[in-house]
């Protein structure tokens, strides 16, 4: 069995909001522009949406790298 930290996780908005520095409406604008990972339906036919923790992690790492690159220019 995999370590519990290796199992893919879906994060609900409240968890995502604790990680990212943006408002919900801004995140949805970024999603519409293709600049932020799309949420995934948690249940087929349902309304609940979650974001893969790995997608949020990758997004934040890319944001950090672009900020660091901008600092060095």
Protein backbone atom coordinates (compact mmCIF):
# COMPACT_ATOMS: atom_id res chain seq x y z
CA UNK A 1 0.00 0.00 0.00
CA UNK A 2 1.19 3.50 -0.79
CA UNK A 3 2.10 5.97 1.91
CA UNK A 4 -0.92 8.17 2.68
CA UNK A 5 1.07 11.21 1.45
CA UNK A 6 1.51 9.59 -1.98
CA UNK A 7 -2.20 8.99 -2.62
CA UNK A 8 -3.63 11.58 -5.06
CA UNK A 9 -5.90 14.04 -3.21
CA UNK A 10 -8.66 16.31 -4.37
CA UNK A 11 -8.75 19.61 -2.49
CA UNK A 12 -11.98 21.53 -1.98
CA UNK A 13 -12.04 25.31 -2.41
CA UNK A 14 -11.45 26.04 1.30
CA UNK A 15 -8.22 24.03 1.19
CA UNK A 16 -7.10 25.61 -2.09
CA UNK A 17 -7.83 29.10 -0.71
CA UNK A 18 -5.40 28.46 2.16
CA UNK A 19 -2.63 27.74 -0.35
CA UNK A 20 -3.07 30.28 -3.14
CA UNK A 21 -2.92 34.07 -2.75
CA UNK A 22 -5.97 34.83 -4.95
CA UNK A 23 -9.70 35.30 -4.49
CA UNK A 24 -12.15 32.72 -5.79
CA UNK A 25 -13.42 35.01 -8.55
CA UNK A 26 -9.87 35.74 -9.73
CA UNK A 27 -9.08 32.01 -9.80
CA UNK A 28 -12.13 31.38 -12.00
CA UNK A 29 -10.98 34.19 -14.31
CA UNK A 30 -7.57 32.50 -14.51
CA UNK A 31 -9.24 29.15 -15.24
CA UNK A 32 -11.21 30.73 -18.10
CA UNK A 33 -7.93 32.13 -19.47
CA UNK A 34 -6.28 28.70 -19.22
CA UNK A 35 -3.79 29.94 -16.61
CA UNK A 36 -4.95 27.92 -13.61
CA UNK A 37 -5.78 24.20 -13.32
CA UNK A 38 -9.43 23.32 -13.86
CA UNK A 39 -11.30 21.75 -10.99
CA UNK A 40 -12.56 18.19 -11.36
CA UNK A 41 -16.08 16.97 -10.63
CA UNK A 42 -15.82 14.87 -7.51
CA UNK A 43 -18.82 12.72 -8.42
CA UNK A 44 -20.08 12.07 -11.93
CA UNK A 45 -23.21 14.16 -12.40
CA UNK A 46 -22.60 16.05 -9.17
CA UNK A 47 -21.80 19.69 -8.56
CA UNK A 48 -18.91 19.36 -6.09
CA UNK A 49 -15.54 20.35 -7.56
CA UNK A 50 -12.06 19.66 -6.30
CA UNK A 51 -8.54 20.38 -7.50
CA UNK A 52 -5.79 17.79 -7.58
CA UNK A 53 -3.29 18.66 -4.86
CA UNK A 54 -0.45 17.92 -7.30
CA UNK A 55 -1.88 20.45 -9.81
CA UNK A 56 -2.04 23.14 -7.12
CA UNK A 57 1.48 22.29 -5.98
CA UNK A 58 2.80 22.48 -9.56
CA UNK A 59 1.01 25.79 -10.11
CA UNK A 60 2.50 27.33 -6.97
CA UNK A 61 6.01 26.09 -7.86
CA UNK A 62 5.67 27.64 -11.34
CA UNK A 63 4.42 30.88 -9.79
CA UNK A 64 7.41 30.93 -7.45
CA UNK A 65 9.86 30.22 -10.29
CA UNK A 66 8.40 32.98 -12.47
CA UNK A 67 8.59 35.43 -9.55
CA UNK A 68 12.20 34.47 -8.87
CA UNK A 69 13.02 34.86 -12.57
CA UNK A 70 11.44 38.33 -12.61
CA UNK A 71 13.53 39.33 -9.58
CA UNK A 72 16.75 38.47 -11.41
CA UNK A 73 16.00 40.44 -14.58
